[in-house]
């Protein structure tokens, strides 16, 4: 879910030509996913995902730490592969989500840690609760998209959150409180 934290990946040092000012990139919703997983009673690892979301990145190649990212999507866009579970997650036991309930992430700081890596700190809002999270982000590739013929970038990131921090802790600790998050995004330079 925290997933959101995905777009943040664009915010760090790319080894391409330097630019004079931040440039806006927009997420490609058809190739951006947030996958979450948690331990179910010690018997299995259960997964779910968010996909098709939108977000923007202001990317400054000369000063990557000055970049920023913002992403949001409806809580009800969660997919777990089992309708009854989806419905339970949206019930008052967990999200109590209506169509207006959003999950969002807004970066607050970026620490460049390598040529293609960064730690992106931001505010994650889930279930009406905002908490800081840190994304461990990696640049997968940046360059001209071979089919779209536009500047493109791809990033991955990981983090973990505690469900209970967002008032989603039902059945913990039997069902793990910690949720692992994997983010994979693509973004295109805005026209």
Protein backbone atom coordinates (compact mmCIF):
# COMPACT_ATOMS: atom_id res chain seq x y z
CA UNK A 1 0.00 0.00 0.00
CA UNK A 2 2.79 2.25 0.87
CA UNK A 3 3.36 1.74 -1.97
CA UNK A 4 2.97 4.70 -3.09
CA UNK A 5 6.32 5.37 -2.45
CA UNK A 6 7.16 4.30 -5.79
CA UNK A 7 7.34 7.39 -7.86
CA UNK A 8 9.91 8.68 -5.57
CA UNK A 9 12.51 6.72 -7.44
CA UNK A 10 12.87 9.33 -10.12
CA UNK A 11 14.21 11.76 -7.64
CA UNK A 12 17.82 10.70 -7.59
CA UNK A 13 21.01 11.05 -9.58
CA UNK A 14 20.86 9.74 -13.08
CA UNK A 15 24.06 9.45 -15.04
CA UNK A 16 22.72 11.32 -18.04
CA UNK A 17 23.35 14.84 -19.29
CA UNK A 18 22.83 17.58 -16.73
CA UNK A 19 19.80 19.81 -17.00
CA UNK A 20 19.41 23.41 -15.92
CA UNK A 21 16.13 23.04 -14.02
CA UNK A 22 13.76 20.39 -12.68
CA UNK A 23 11.67 18.65 -15.31
CA UNK A 24 8.30 17.09 -14.77
CA UNK A 25 7.80 13.38 -15.36
CA UNK A 26 4.45 11.62 -15.13
CA UNK A 27 3.95 8.00 -14.17
CA UNK A 28 2.97 5.52 -16.84
CA UNK A 29 -0.04 3.96 -15.07
CA UNK A 30 0.07 0.88 -17.32
CA UNK A 31 3.60 0.03 -16.13
CA UNK A 32 3.61 1.13 -12.48
CA UNK A 33 2.77 -1.28 -9.68
CA UNK A 34 2.99 -1.46 -5.91
CA UNK A 35 3.04 -5.02 -4.58
CA UNK A 36 2.63 -5.70 -0.87
CA UNK A 37 3.05 -8.95 1.05
CA UNK A 38 2.56 -10.19 4.60
CA UNK A 39 2.81 -13.41 6.57
CA UNK A 40 -0.51 -15.23 7.05
CA UNK A 41 -0.48 -17.18 10.33
CA UNK A 42 2.95 -18.62 9.49
CA UNK A 43 1.42 -20.77 6.77
CA UNK A 44 1.88 -18.58 3.71
CA UNK A 45 2.89 -15.22 2.31
CA UNK A 46 -0.13 -13.36 0.97
CA UNK A 47 0.26 -10.65 -1.66
CA UNK A 48 -1.78 -7.86 -3.17
CA UNK A 49 -1.16 -4.89 -5.40
CA UNK A 50 -2.11 -1.44 -6.56
CA UNK A 51 -1.75 -0.58 -10.24
CA UNK A 52 -2.96 2.02 -12.70
CA UNK A 53 -2.20 4.95 -10.40
CA UNK A 54 -1.01 8.42 -11.33
CA UNK A 55 1.75 10.63 -10.01
CA UNK A 56 4.25 13.33 -10.88
CA UNK A 57 7.94 13.77 -10.32
CA UNK A 58 9.89 17.02 -10.48
CA UNK A 59 13.35 15.74 -11.40
CA UNK A 60 16.48 17.88 -11.13
CA UNK A 61 19.47 16.07 -12.63
CA UNK A 62 21.96 18.74 -11.53
CA UNK A 63 20.76 18.53 -7.93
CA UNK A 64 18.85 15.25 -7.49
CA UNK A 65 18.26 15.96 -3.80
CA UNK A 66 16.12 18.94 -4.90
CA UNK A 67 13.74 16.66 -6.80
CA UNK A 68 10.31 15.67 -5.50
CA UNK A 69 7.52 13.16 -6.05
CA UNK A 70 3.79 12.99 -5.40
CA UNK A 71 1.52 9.97 -5.92
CA UNK A 72 -2.05 9.13 -4.94
CA UNK A 73 -4.65 6.49 -5.73
CA UNK A 74 -7.96 5.18 -4.39
CA UNK A 75 -7.71 2.63 -1.57
CA UNK A 76 -10.46 0.69 -3.37
CA UNK A 77 -8.11 0.05 -6.31
CA UNK A 78 -6.40 -2.67 -4.24
CA UNK A 79 -6.29 -6.11 -5.89
CA UNK A 80 -5.63 -9.25 -3.84
CA UNK A 81 -6.90 -11.89 -6.23
CA UNK A 82 -9.81 -12.90 -4.01
CA UNK A 83 -12.97 -10.79 -4.02
CA UNK A 84 -13.98 -11.69 -0.46
CA UNK A 85 -10.58 -10.50 0.84
CA UNK A 86 -10.82 -7.26 -1.16
CA UNK A 87 -14.24 -6.62 0.34
CA UNK A 88 -13.02 -7.39 3.89
CA UNK A 89 -10.05 -5.01 3.49
CA UNK A 90 -12.44 -2.22 2.47
CA UNK A 91 -14.79 -2.92 5.41
CA UNK A 92 -14.69 -1.05 8.76
CA UNK A 93 -12.39 -3.84 10.06
CA UNK A 94 -9.59 -2.28 8.00
CA UNK A 95 -9.95 0.69 5.63
CA UNK A 96 -13.64 1.40 5.93
CA UNK A 97 -13.02 2.86 2.50
CA UNK A 98 -15.49 4.66 0.31
CA UNK A 99 -14.79 5.81 -3.23
CA UNK A 100 -13.11 8.99 -1.95
CA UNK A 101 -10.60 7.25 0.35
CA UNK A 102 -7.12 7.84 -1.08
CA UNK A 103 -3.64 6.50 -0.40
CA UNK A 104 -0.95 9.12 -1.01
CA UNK A 105 2.79 9.67 -0.79
CA UNK A 106 4.63 12.99 -0.96
CA UNK A 107 8.40 13.13 -0.71
CA UNK A 108 9.99 15.35 1.93
CA UNK A 109 13.71 14.59 1.45
CA UNK A 110 16.01 12.70 -0.88
CA UNK A 111 19.42 11.38 0.10
CA UNK A 112 21.50 10.31 -2.90
CA UNK A 113 23.47 7.20 -1.86
CA UNK A 114 25.11 6.19 -5.14
CA UNK A 115 25.16 6.69 -8.88
CA UNK A 116 21.80 4.93 -9.24
CA UNK A 117 20.48 4.74 -5.68
CA UNK A 118 18.78 6.98 -3.14
CA UNK A 119 16.82 6.96 0.07
CA UNK A 120 13.58 8.85 -0.40
CA UNK A 121 11.77 9.99 2.72
CA UNK A 122 8.16 11.02 2.47
CA UNK A 123 4.77 11.26 4.09
CA UNK A 124 2.56 8.25 3.49
CA UNK A 125 -1.14 8.71 4.17
CA UNK A 126 -3.31 5.61 4.52
CA UNK A 127 -6.66 5.31 6.24
CA UNK A 128 -6.53 8.97 7.24
CA UNK A 129 -3.19 8.55 9.09
CA UNK A 130 0.06 10.15 7.89
CA UNK A 131 3.43 8.62 8.83
CA UNK A 132 6.97 9.06 7.48
CA UNK A 133 8.41 6.23 5.39
CA UNK A 134 11.75 5.73 3.65
CA UNK A 135 12.00 4.15 0.22
CA UNK A 136 15.21 2.39 -0.81
CA UNK A 137 15.16 3.33 -4.50
CA UNK A 138 17.14 2.22 -7.56
CA UNK A 139 17.26 3.63 -11.08
CA UNK A 140 16.64 0.71 -13.45
CA UNK A 141 17.12 2.63 -16.68
CA UNK A 142 16.71 6.10 -18.17
CA UNK A 143 16.69 7.02 -21.84
CA UNK A 144 14.65 7.16 -25.01
CA UNK A 145 11.69 4.77 -25.06
CA UNK A 146 12.17 2.63 -28.20
CA UNK A 147 8.47 2.54 -29.11
CA UNK A 148 7.16 5.85 -27.74
CA UNK A 149 10.24 7.83 -28.88
CA UNK A 150 10.13 9.95 -25.70
CA UNK A 151 12.40 10.36 -22.66
CA UNK A 152 11.52 7.58 -20.21
CA UNK A 153 12.75 6.34 -16.84
CA UNK A 154 12.18 3.22 -14.79
CA UNK A 155 12.70 2.78 -11.04
CA UNK A 156 12.21 0.21 -8.34
CA UNK A 157 12.00 0.69 -4.58
CA UNK A 158 11.37 -1.25 -1.41
CA UNK A 159 10.15 -0.40 2.07
CA UNK A 160 8.09 -1.88 4.88
CA UNK A 161 5.39 -0.48 7.12
CA UNK A 162 3.44 -1.59 10.16
CA UNK A 163 -0.29 -2.03 9.55
CA UNK A 164 -1.03 -0.94 13.09
CA UNK A 165 0.56 2.48 12.43
CA UNK A 166 -2.33 3.14 10.02
CA UNK A 167 -5.15 1.66 12.15
CA UNK A 168 -5.14 -1.50 10.02
CA UNK A 169 -3.78 -3.90 12.65
CA UNK A 170 -6.67 -6.37 12.97
CA UNK A 171 -5.48 -9.94 13.73
CA UNK A 172 -1.90 -8.85 14.51
CA UNK A 173 0.41 -10.42 15.52
CA UNK A 174 -1.05 -13.66 14.13
CA UNK A 175 -1.22 -12.08 10.72
CA UNK A 176 1.99 -10.08 10.51
CA UNK A 177 1.84 -6.43 11.41
CA UNK A 178 4.78 -5.74 9.09
CA UNK A 179 3.94 -5.41 5.41
CA UNK A 180 6.73 -5.58 2.82
CA UNK A 181 6.35 -3.30 -0.19
CA UNK A 182 7.94 -3.56 -3.63
CA UNK A 183 7.49 -0.74 -6.11
CA UNK A 184 8.19 -0.75 -9.83
CA UNK A 185 7.40 2.32 -11.92
CA UNK A 186 7.93 3.85 -15.32
CA UNK A 187 7.59 7.55 -16.03
CA UNK A 188 7.63 9.70 -19.15
CA UNK A 189 8.87 13.27 -19.44
CA UNK A 190 5.88 15.59 -19.54
CA UNK A 191 5.29 17.50 -22.77
